[in-house]
Amino acid sequence: METVYIETSIISYLTARPSKNLIAAARQQQTWEWWENYRQNYMLFTSNLVIAEASQGDNQQSQKRLHVLREIERLTINIACEELADKLIIDSPIPDNAQDDALHIAIASYHSVDFLLTWNFKHLANAHLIPKVRTIVEASGYYFPQICTPEELIGEYYE
């Protein structure tokens, strides 16, 4: 069974109040559809970093996020993950203020997760960043996950 690292934006879209913004509403719907109809096709993982990020903000909303996360196995964050994240900040276009985003990539890479699921287009699912980040991760001896959105994991599975 393929593996998916659930990044914080997925849980945020899944549990957020319905948005009036058309793009956000569409992402909420796609996230919900994937969660309800497709997640059972994958082994899901998250991390304490996601737990920490999901704990922030409005208390009622954070409790919803944490409730969803409680059933997902957490991957460890070790020194190798932190070193890889630091390398991504130093050697790739990921900016210094996106350390947590670099750490999400490092965690998924270190643990050889197949997919990193996100709605973060700024520093994660970004076509301009991915080639350089992939090169750094693979040159460091790690597997680079496919970074994608729920929309990309909705549909038939082909082997």
N, C-alpha and C. Protein backbone atom coordinates (compact mmCIF):
# COMPACT_ATOMS: atom_id res chain seq x y z
N MET A 1 0.85 -1.18 0.00
CA MET A 1 0.00 0.00 0.00
C MET A 1 0.89 1.25 0.00
N GLU A 2 0.57 2.20 -0.85
CA GLU A 2 1.37 3.42 -0.92
C GLU A 2 1.13 4.28 0.33
N THR A 3 2.12 5.13 0.61
CA THR A 3 2.09 5.95 1.82
C THR A 3 1.90 7.42 1.49
N VAL A 4 1.22 8.13 2.40
CA VAL A 4 0.94 9.56 2.23
C VAL A 4 1.27 10.28 3.54
N TYR A 5 2.09 11.32 3.42
CA TYR A 5 2.35 12.22 4.54
C TYR A 5 1.33 13.35 4.46
N ILE A 6 0.53 13.48 5.50
CA ILE A 6 -0.51 14.50 5.56
C ILE A 6 0.08 15.77 6.17
N GLU A 7 0.21 16.80 5.35
CA GLU A 7 0.75 18.09 5.80
C GLU A 7 -0.41 18.93 6.36
N THR A 8 -0.10 19.92 7.14
CA THR A 8 -1.08 20.69 7.90
C THR A 8 -2.18 21.32 7.06
N SER A 9 -1.87 21.81 5.87
CA SER A 9 -2.89 22.48 5.06
C SER A 9 -4.05 21.53 4.70
N ILE A 10 -3.77 20.24 4.60
CA ILE A 10 -4.82 19.26 4.29
C ILE A 10 -5.83 19.21 5.43
N ILE A 11 -5.34 19.11 6.63
CA ILE A 11 -6.22 19.05 7.80
C ILE A 11 -6.96 20.36 7.97
N SER A 12 -6.29 21.47 7.67
CA SER A 12 -6.94 22.78 7.78
C SER A 12 -8.11 22.90 6.81
N TYR A 13 -7.90 22.50 5.56
CA TYR A 13 -8.99 22.56 4.58
C TYR A 13 -10.11 21.57 4.93
N LEU A 14 -9.73 20.42 5.46
CA LEU A 14 -10.71 19.40 5.80
C LEU A 14 -11.65 19.85 6.91
N THR A 15 -11.13 20.59 7.87
CA THR A 15 -11.92 20.93 9.06
C THR A 15 -12.39 22.38 9.11
N ALA A 16 -12.01 23.18 8.14
CA ALA A 16 -12.35 24.61 8.16
C ALA A 16 -13.85 24.84 7.95
N ARG A 17 -14.30 25.97 8.45
CA ARG A 17 -15.66 26.40 8.15
C ARG A 17 -15.77 26.61 6.64
N PRO A 18 -16.94 26.36 6.05
CA PRO A 18 -17.08 26.54 4.60
C PRO A 18 -16.66 27.95 4.16
N SER A 19 -15.86 27.98 3.12
CA SER A 19 -15.34 29.25 2.63
C SER A 19 -16.27 29.86 1.59
N LYS A 20 -16.31 31.19 1.56
CA LYS A 20 -17.05 31.91 0.52
C LYS A 20 -16.17 32.16 -0.70
N ASN A 21 -14.86 32.01 -0.53
CA ASN A 21 -13.92 32.15 -1.62
C ASN A 21 -14.02 30.90 -2.50
N LEU A 22 -14.26 31.09 -3.79
CA LEU A 22 -14.51 29.96 -4.68
C LEU A 22 -13.34 28.97 -4.74
N ILE A 23 -12.14 29.48 -4.79
CA ILE A 23 -10.98 28.60 -4.87
C ILE A 23 -10.82 27.81 -3.57
N ALA A 24 -10.92 28.50 -2.46
CA ALA A 24 -10.81 27.81 -1.16
C ALA A 24 -11.94 26.79 -0.99
N ALA A 25 -13.14 27.15 -1.40
CA ALA A 25 -14.28 26.23 -1.30
C ALA A 25 -14.05 24.98 -2.15
N ALA A 26 -13.51 25.16 -3.34
CA ALA A 26 -13.21 24.02 -4.21
C ALA A 26 -12.15 23.13 -3.57
N ARG A 27 -11.13 23.72 -2.98
CA ARG A 27 -10.09 22.94 -2.31
C ARG A 27 -10.67 22.20 -1.11
N GLN A 28 -11.56 22.85 -0.38
CA GLN A 28 -12.21 22.17 0.74
C GLN A 28 -12.98 20.95 0.24
N GLN A 29 -13.72 21.12 -0.85
CA GLN A 29 -14.51 20.03 -1.41
C GLN A 29 -13.62 18.89 -1.90
N GLN A 30 -12.53 19.21 -2.59
CA GLN A 30 -11.61 18.17 -3.07
C GLN A 30 -10.94 17.45 -1.91
N THR A 31 -10.59 18.20 -0.87
CA THR A 31 -9.98 17.59 0.31
C THR A 31 -10.97 16.64 0.97
N TRP A 32 -12.20 17.10 1.14
CA TRP A 32 -13.22 16.26 1.76
C TRP A 32 -13.46 15.00 0.93
N GLU A 33 -13.55 15.16 -0.40
CA GLU A 33 -13.78 14.01 -1.28
C GLU A 33 -12.65 12.99 -1.16
N TRP A 34 -11.41 13.48 -1.18
CA TRP A 34 -10.27 12.56 -1.04
C TRP A 34 -10.32 11.86 0.31
N TRP A 35 -10.57 12.64 1.35
CA TRP A 35 -10.58 12.10 2.71
C TRP A 35 -11.67 11.02 2.86
N GLU A 36 -12.84 11.28 2.36
CA GLU A 36 -13.97 10.35 2.51
C GLU A 36 -13.89 9.15 1.58
N ASN A 37 -13.35 9.33 0.38
CA ASN A 37 -13.45 8.29 -0.64
C ASN A 37 -12.14 7.62 -1.04
N TYR A 38 -11.00 8.23 -0.72
CA TYR A 38 -9.75 7.69 -1.24
C TYR A 38 -8.68 7.42 -0.19
N ARG A 39 -8.76 8.02 0.96
CA ARG A 39 -7.68 7.86 1.95
C ARG A 39 -7.48 6.42 2.36
N GLN A 40 -8.55 5.61 2.33
CA GLN A 40 -8.43 4.21 2.73
C GLN A 40 -7.54 3.42 1.78
N ASN A 41 -7.21 3.98 0.63
CA ASN A 41 -6.32 3.32 -0.33
C ASN A 41 -4.85 3.51 0.01
N TYR A 42 -4.56 4.27 1.06
CA TYR A 42 -3.19 4.63 1.42
C TYR A 42 -2.95 4.44 2.91
N MET A 43 -1.69 4.27 3.25
CA MET A 43 -1.28 4.33 4.66
C MET A 43 -0.94 5.78 4.94
N LEU A 44 -1.62 6.38 5.92
CA LEU A 44 -1.43 7.79 6.22
C LEU A 44 -0.43 7.99 7.35
N PHE A 45 0.36 9.04 7.21
CA PHE A 45 1.32 9.42 8.24
C PHE A 45 1.28 10.93 8.40
N THR A 46 1.68 11.38 9.56
CA THR A 46 1.85 12.80 9.84
C THR A 46 3.05 12.92 10.77
N SER A 47 3.20 14.05 11.42
CA SER A 47 4.33 14.24 12.33
C SER A 47 3.95 15.17 13.46
N ASN A 48 4.81 15.24 14.45
CA ASN A 48 4.59 16.19 15.55
C ASN A 48 4.64 17.63 15.08
N LEU A 49 5.31 17.88 13.97
CA LEU A 49 5.32 19.23 13.39
C LEU A 49 3.90 19.60 12.95
N VAL A 50 3.21 18.68 12.30
CA VAL A 50 1.82 18.93 11.89
C VAL A 50 0.94 19.13 13.13
N ILE A 51 1.15 18.32 14.15
CA ILE A 51 0.38 18.46 15.39
C ILE A 51 0.60 19.85 15.97
N ALA A 52 1.84 20.30 16.01
CA ALA A 52 2.15 21.63 16.55
C ALA A 52 1.49 22.74 15.72
N GLU A 53 1.58 22.64 14.41
CA GLU A 53 0.97 23.65 13.54
C GLU A 53 -0.56 23.63 13.67
N ALA A 54 -1.13 22.44 13.74
CA ALA A 54 -2.59 22.30 13.83
C ALA A 54 -3.12 22.79 15.17
N SER A 55 -2.27 22.85 16.17
CA SER A 55 -2.66 23.31 17.51
C SER A 55 -2.79 24.82 17.60
N GLN A 56 -2.29 25.52 16.61
CA GLN A 56 -2.29 26.98 16.64
C GLN A 56 -3.63 27.54 16.18
N GLY A 57 -3.89 28.79 16.54
CA GLY A 57 -5.09 29.48 16.08
C GLY A 57 -6.28 29.26 16.98
N ASP A 58 -7.46 29.49 16.41
CA ASP A 58 -8.72 29.38 17.12
C ASP A 58 -8.82 28.04 17.84
N ASN A 59 -9.16 28.08 19.12
CA ASN A 59 -9.17 26.87 19.94
C ASN A 59 -10.17 25.83 19.42
N GLN A 60 -11.37 26.27 19.05
CA GLN A 60 -12.38 25.34 18.56
C GLN A 60 -11.93 24.67 17.25
N GLN A 61 -11.37 25.46 16.34
CA GLN A 61 -10.88 24.91 15.07
C GLN A 61 -9.67 24.00 15.30
N SER A 62 -8.78 24.39 16.20
CA SER A 62 -7.60 23.56 16.45
C SER A 62 -8.01 22.21 17.05
N GLN A 63 -9.04 22.21 17.88
CA GLN A 63 -9.53 20.94 18.44
C GLN A 63 -10.08 20.03 17.35
N LYS A 64 -10.75 20.61 16.36
CA LYS A 64 -11.24 19.82 15.21
C LYS A 64 -10.06 19.21 14.45
N ARG A 65 -9.04 20.02 14.22
CA ARG A 65 -7.87 19.53 13.48
C ARG A 65 -7.18 18.40 14.25
N LEU A 66 -7.00 18.61 15.54
CA LEU A 66 -6.31 17.60 16.36
C LEU A 66 -7.14 16.31 16.47
N HIS A 67 -8.46 16.44 16.48
CA HIS A 67 -9.33 15.27 16.52
C HIS A 67 -9.11 14.39 15.28
N VAL A 68 -9.01 15.01 14.12
CA VAL A 68 -8.77 14.26 12.88
C VAL A 68 -7.38 13.62 12.91
N LEU A 69 -6.41 14.34 13.42
CA LEU A 69 -5.03 13.86 13.42
C LEU A 69 -4.77 12.73 14.41
N ARG A 70 -5.62 12.57 15.41
CA ARG A 70 -5.37 11.61 16.48
C ARG A 70 -5.20 10.18 15.98
N GLU A 71 -5.84 9.84 14.86
CA GLU A 71 -5.80 8.47 14.35
C GLU A 71 -4.69 8.21 13.35
N ILE A 72 -3.91 9.23 13.03
CA ILE A 72 -2.86 9.09 12.01
C ILE A 72 -1.51 8.86 12.70
N GLU A 73 -0.82 7.83 12.24
CA GLU A 73 0.50 7.51 12.81
C GLU A 73 1.49 8.65 12.56
N ARG A 74 2.29 8.96 13.57
CA ARG A 74 3.27 10.04 13.47
C ARG A 74 4.66 9.49 13.13
N LEU A 75 5.28 10.13 12.17
CA LEU A 75 6.66 9.81 11.83
C LEU A 75 7.59 10.59 12.75
N THR A 76 8.71 9.98 13.09
CA THR A 76 9.65 10.64 13.98
C THR A 76 10.39 11.75 13.26
N ILE A 77 10.77 12.75 14.04
CA ILE A 77 11.62 13.84 13.54
C ILE A 77 12.94 13.67 14.28
N ASN A 78 13.97 13.28 13.54
CA ASN A 78 15.27 13.06 14.17
C ASN A 78 16.30 14.06 13.63
N ILE A 79 17.51 13.90 14.06
CA ILE A 79 18.58 14.82 13.66
C ILE A 79 18.81 14.78 12.15
N ALA A 80 18.64 13.62 11.53
CA ALA A 80 18.82 13.53 10.07
C ALA A 80 17.76 14.36 9.35
N CYS A 81 16.53 14.34 9.85
CA CYS A 81 15.46 15.17 9.26
C CYS A 81 15.81 16.64 9.40
N GLU A 82 16.26 17.02 10.59
CA GLU A 82 16.60 18.43 10.84
C GLU A 82 17.77 18.88 9.98
N GLU A 83 18.77 18.02 9.81
CA GLU A 83 19.92 18.36 8.98
C GLU A 83 19.52 18.50 7.51
N LEU A 84 18.65 17.61 7.04
CA LEU A 84 18.18 17.71 5.66
C LEU A 84 17.37 18.99 5.46
N ALA A 85 16.52 19.32 6.41
CA ALA A 85 15.74 20.57 6.33
C ALA A 85 16.68 21.77 6.27
N ASP A 86 17.72 21.77 7.11
CA ASP A 86 18.69 22.87 7.10
C ASP A 86 19.37 22.97 5.74
N LYS A 87 19.73 21.82 5.18
CA LYS A 87 20.37 21.80 3.86
C LYS A 87 19.44 22.37 2.79
N LEU A 88 18.15 22.05 2.89
CA LEU A 88 17.19 22.58 1.93
C LEU A 88 17.07 24.10 2.03
N ILE A 89 17.14 24.62 3.23
CA ILE A 89 17.08 26.08 3.42
C ILE A 89 18.34 26.74 2.86
N ILE A 90 19.48 26.13 3.11
CA ILE A 90 20.76 26.71 2.68
C ILE A 90 20.96 26.60 1.16
N ASP A 91 20.64 25.43 0.59
CA ASP A 91 21.00 25.15 -0.80
C ASP A 91 19.88 25.26 -1.82
N SER A 92 18.64 25.43 -1.39
CA SER A 92 17.54 25.49 -2.35
C SER A 92 16.85 26.85 -2.26
N PRO A 93 15.91 27.10 -3.14
CA PRO A 93 15.18 28.37 -3.12
C PRO A 93 14.16 28.48 -1.98
N ILE A 94 14.04 27.47 -1.13
CA ILE A 94 13.14 27.58 0.02
C ILE A 94 13.71 28.64 0.96
N PRO A 95 12.94 29.67 1.29
CA PRO A 95 13.47 30.77 2.10
C PRO A 95 13.65 30.41 3.57
N ASP A 96 14.46 31.20 4.25
CA ASP A 96 14.74 30.98 5.67
C ASP A 96 13.48 30.93 6.52
N ASN A 97 12.49 31.72 6.16
CA ASN A 97 11.26 31.78 6.97
C ASN A 97 10.32 30.60 6.71
N ALA A 98 10.74 29.64 5.90
CA ALA A 98 9.92 28.46 5.59
C ALA A 98 10.58 27.19 6.13
N GLN A 99 11.23 27.30 7.27
CA GLN A 99 11.92 26.16 7.88
C GLN A 99 10.96 24.98 8.10
N ASP A 100 9.75 25.25 8.54
CA ASP A 100 8.79 24.16 8.77
C ASP A 100 8.44 23.45 7.48
N ASP A 101 8.31 24.19 6.38
CA ASP A 101 8.02 23.55 5.09
C ASP A 101 9.18 22.67 4.65
N ALA A 102 10.39 23.13 4.85
CA ALA A 102 11.56 22.31 4.54
C ALA A 102 11.57 21.05 5.41
N LEU A 103 11.16 21.20 6.66
CA LEU A 103 11.13 20.05 7.56
C LEU A 103 10.05 19.05 7.15
N HIS A 104 8.91 19.50 6.65
CA HIS A 104 7.90 18.56 6.13
C HIS A 104 8.50 17.71 5.02
N ILE A 105 9.20 18.34 4.09
CA ILE A 105 9.84 17.60 3.00
C ILE A 105 10.87 16.62 3.55
N ALA A 106 11.67 17.09 4.50
CA ALA A 106 12.71 16.24 5.07
C ALA A 106 12.13 15.02 5.79
N ILE A 107 11.07 15.22 6.53
CA ILE A 107 10.44 14.10 7.25
C ILE A 107 9.92 13.07 6.26
N ALA A 108 9.17 13.53 5.26
CA ALA A 108 8.62 12.61 4.26
C ALA A 108 9.74 11.91 3.49
N SER A 109 10.81 12.64 3.18
CA SER A 109 11.93 12.05 2.45
C SER A 109 12.68 11.03 3.29
N TYR A 110 13.02 11.38 4.50
CA TYR A 110 13.76 10.48 5.39
C TYR A 110 13.02 9.15 5.56
N HIS A 111 11.69 9.24 5.70
CA HIS A 111 10.88 8.04 5.93
C HIS A 111 10.39 7.38 4.63
N SER A 112 10.89 7.85 3.48
CA SER A 112 10.56 7.28 2.16
C SER A 112 9.06 7.18 1.91
N VAL A 113 8.34 8.24 2.25
CA VAL A 113 6.90 8.29 2.00
C VAL A 113 6.68 8.54 0.50
N ASP A 114 5.67 7.89 -0.05
CA ASP A 114 5.41 8.01 -1.49
C ASP A 114 4.90 9.39 -1.89
N PHE A 115 3.94 9.93 -1.12
CA PHE A 115 3.31 11.20 -1.46
C PHE A 115 3.33 12.15 -0.26
N LEU A 116 3.61 13.41 -0.52
CA LEU A 116 3.45 14.48 0.48
C LEU A 116 2.22 15.26 0.01
N LEU A 117 1.13 15.14 0.75
CA LEU A 117 -0.14 15.76 0.36
C LEU A 117 -0.25 17.13 1.00
N THR A 118 -0.50 18.15 0.16
CA THR A 118 -0.49 19.53 0.64
C THR A 118 -1.32 20.43 -0.27
N TRP A 119 -1.72 21.56 0.28
CA TRP A 119 -2.28 22.66 -0.52
C TRP A 119 -1.33 23.85 -0.48
N ASN A 120 -0.14 23.67 0.02
CA ASN A 120 0.84 24.75 0.12
C ASN A 120 1.60 24.85 -1.21
N PHE A 121 1.18 25.82 -2.03
CA PHE A 121 1.81 26.02 -3.33
C PHE A 121 3.01 26.96 -3.25
N LYS A 122 3.16 27.66 -2.15
CA LYS A 122 4.24 28.63 -2.03
C LYS A 122 5.60 27.95 -1.88
N HIS A 123 5.68 26.96 -0.97
CA HIS A 123 6.98 26.34 -0.68
C HIS A 123 7.01 24.83 -0.85
N LEU A 124 5.87 24.20 -1.12
CA LEU A 124 5.86 22.74 -1.24
C LEU A 124 5.46 22.29 -2.64
N ALA A 125 4.21 22.43 -2.99
CA ALA A 125 3.74 22.00 -4.32
C ALA A 125 3.98 23.12 -5.32
N ASN A 126 5.24 23.43 -5.53
CA ASN A 126 5.65 24.56 -6.36
C ASN A 126 6.57 24.04 -7.47
N ALA A 127 6.09 24.12 -8.68
CA ALA A 127 6.83 23.56 -9.83
C ALA A 127 8.20 24.18 -10.03
N HIS A 128 8.40 25.41 -9.55
CA HIS A 128 9.70 26.05 -9.69
C HIS A 128 10.69 25.57 -8.64
N LEU A 129 10.21 25.19 -7.48
CA LEU A 129 11.09 24.74 -6.40
C LEU A 129 11.40 23.24 -6.46
N ILE A 130 10.44 22.46 -6.89
CA ILE A 130 10.56 21.00 -6.79
C ILE A 130 11.82 20.43 -7.46
N PRO A 131 12.19 20.83 -8.67
CA PRO A 131 13.39 20.22 -9.27
C PRO A 131 14.66 20.41 -8.42
N LYS A 132 14.88 21.61 -7.92
CA LYS A 132 16.08 21.87 -7.11
C LYS A 132 16.01 21.12 -5.78
N VAL A 133 14.84 21.13 -5.17
CA VAL A 133 14.66 20.42 -3.89
C VAL A 133 14.87 18.93 -4.10
N ARG A 134 14.30 18.39 -5.17
CA ARG A 134 14.47 16.95 -5.47
C ARG A 134 15.95 16.61 -5.62
N THR A 135 16.69 17.44 -6.34
CA THR A 135 18.11 17.19 -6.54
C THR A 135 18.86 17.14 -5.21
N ILE A 136 18.57 18.07 -4.33
CA ILE A 136 19.24 18.12 -3.02
C ILE A 136 18.88 16.90 -2.18
N VAL A 137 17.61 16.56 -2.14
CA VAL A 137 17.16 15.41 -1.35
C VAL A 137 17.80 14.13 -1.86
N GLU A 138 17.75 13.91 -3.16
CA GLU A 138 18.30 12.68 -3.73
C GLU A 138 19.82 12.64 -3.61
N ALA A 139 20.49 13.78 -3.76
CA ALA A 139 21.95 13.82 -3.59
C ALA A 139 22.35 13.55 -2.15
N SER A 140 21.43 13.79 -1.23
CA SER A 140 21.68 13.51 0.19
C SER A 140 21.39 12.06 0.54
N GLY A 141 20.94 11.28 -0.44
CA GLY A 141 20.72 9.86 -0.23
C GLY A 141 19.32 9.47 0.19
N TYR A 142 18.37 10.37 0.03
CA TYR A 142 17.00 10.10 0.44
C TYR A 142 16.06 10.02 -0.76
N TYR A 143 14.93 9.39 -0.52
CA TYR A 143 13.86 9.29 -1.51
C TYR A 143 13.08 10.60 -1.52
N PHE A 144 12.76 11.10 -2.69
CA PHE A 144 11.97 12.33 -2.78
C PHE A 144 10.51 11.97 -3.04
N PRO A 145 9.60 12.37 -2.14
CA PRO A 145 8.19 12.03 -2.34
C PRO A 145 7.57 12.85 -3.47
N GLN A 146 6.52 12.29 -4.05
CA GLN A 146 5.72 13.06 -5.01
C GLN A 146 4.92 14.07 -4.20
N ILE A 147 5.14 15.34 -4.43
CA ILE A 147 4.40 16.39 -3.72
C ILE A 147 3.17 16.72 -4.56
N CYS A 148 2.00 16.58 -3.95
CA CYS A 148 0.77 16.75 -4.72
C CYS A 148 -0.39 17.21 -3.84
N THR A 149 -1.48 17.52 -4.51
CA THR A 149 -2.71 17.95 -3.84
C THR A 149 -3.70 16.79 -3.83
N PRO A 150 -4.75 16.88 -3.01
CA PRO A 150 -5.77 15.83 -3.04
C PRO A 150 -6.36 15.62 -4.43
N GLU A 151 -6.51 16.70 -5.19
CA GLU A 151 -7.07 16.58 -6.54
C GLU A 151 -6.27 15.59 -7.39
N GLU A 152 -4.97 15.56 -7.18
CA GLU A 152 -4.11 14.66 -7.96
C GLU A 152 -4.19 13.21 -7.51
N LEU A 153 -4.71 12.98 -6.31
CA LEU A 153 -4.84 11.61 -5.81
C LEU A 153 -6.29 11.13 -5.84
N ILE A 154 -7.16 11.88 -6.50
CA ILE A 154 -8.55 11.47 -6.68
C ILE A 154 -8.66 10.77 -8.02
N GLY A 155 -9.24 9.61 -8.02
CA GLY A 155 -9.43 8.89 -9.27
C GLY A 155 -8.95 7.47 -9.16
N GLU A 156 -8.86 6.86 -10.30
CA GLU A 156 -8.46 5.45 -10.36
C GLU A 156 -6.99 5.30 -10.06
N TYR A 157 -6.67 4.17 -9.47
CA TYR A 157 -5.29 3.81 -9.17
C TYR A 157 -4.79 2.90 -10.29
N TYR A 158 -3.66 3.23 -10.87
CA TYR A 158 -3.10 2.44 -11.96
C TYR A 158 -1.74 1.89 -11.56
N GLU A 159 -1.52 0.64 -11.83
CA GLU A 159 -0.21 0.04 -11.55
C GLU A 159 0.56 -0.12 -12.83
